[in-house]
Amino acid sequence: MPSAFQFQCHLVLIFLAASKGETRYLEVRDAGEDDPFLLLSEDLKRELSAGQIYRRSLRCIDMLSIEGQFTFTADQPQLHCATFFIGEPEELITVNYDFVNIDCQGGDFLKVFDGWILKGEKFPSSLDHPLTTSQRYVDFCESGNIQTSIRSSQNVAMIFFRIQQPGNGFTVTVKKNSNLFPCNVISQTPSGRFTMVIPHQHRNCSFSIIYPVVIKISDLILGHLNGLFLKKPSSGCAGVGDFVELLGGAGLDPSKMFPLADLCHSFHGSAQMKIGCDNTVLRMVSSGKHINRVTFEYHQLDLQETETRKENSIEEFCFPSI
């Protein structure tokens, strides 16, 4: 039986799959008028490509993967609301306040969070984000100089809000900006291919896939300097400043996930792993001394699959205790 985390995330990803025309994922549930996610059609995408601005109302719990102008107006007291934003891996999210009418003194709030939070877990984790947790929140009511434009540090962001007076609300415009070196990413789909590059930066980057997957690393360059590669350590990755780890778990925060494998030497070839977890993360740790790069592809794991490749393949499972 899927966990509550996986069910919540799959609701999000069902919406995303629909917006990309991947209707085979819609068999899980029907999209009715009361569905919390608005499914976007290909006709709408063609209209938007012609330069039109997409506009619609927000629900209390909502998901946006497209640029446009979005308005929330309370028809009753709304105490626990959130909107999740997601872009492509190489995109950043910018949220602009166009209009805000809330009662800050009466207990209303409107906050932007740099990343995602689900059930108290953050992505990116506190270990992998350039800002402290408190700096990742921008509170409209507490900001001395009202910050009308907030840009995320990765391809996901969200807003929390509470509006108690019917008729009050806000309007935001969501835009996307290109990110030359994507770092922390949540994948919109259960399959894809990605190359992560960290150019002389002391930072950790995670790529999160909220599905059980088969992940295949085809190219890994670590510690590249003047055409030479660091030698493979004698045991594990202890003491190595640059390495890649694969993590699995049932939550959102990579720092709370179970380590499945470490890769701490460069190679060209193929290394494959099957990870039957609700969430799979490839995380690169970089010392900042070198240009590190990893190329990988992934697809959703068929849990009925019995065939196991013997070469460069490790079978891994997630247990309820993880």
Foldseek 3Di string as FASTA:
>chain_A
DADPLLVVVLLQLCLLCQQVVVCVSVVVDDDDPPRQEDRHDPVVVVVVVVPDADEDEHDQEYEDADWHKYKYFAQAWRAWGKYKYFYAFFKKKKKFWPDFFADVVVPKWKKKFQADDDPRATPAHCQFDPDHRVVRIDIQSPDPPRDGMDMHPGRMMMMIITHHDGGGITMMTMDMDGHPARFEHEHSDQWDKDKHKDALDQGKGKYKYQAFKKKKWAWKADPDDPNDWDDDDPDACPPPQKWKWKWAEADDYRVPTHTDDIGRGTDGGIAIEGEHHSMIMIMIGHRSPHMIMIIMIMHHDDPPDDDFDPPNYDYDYDDPVD
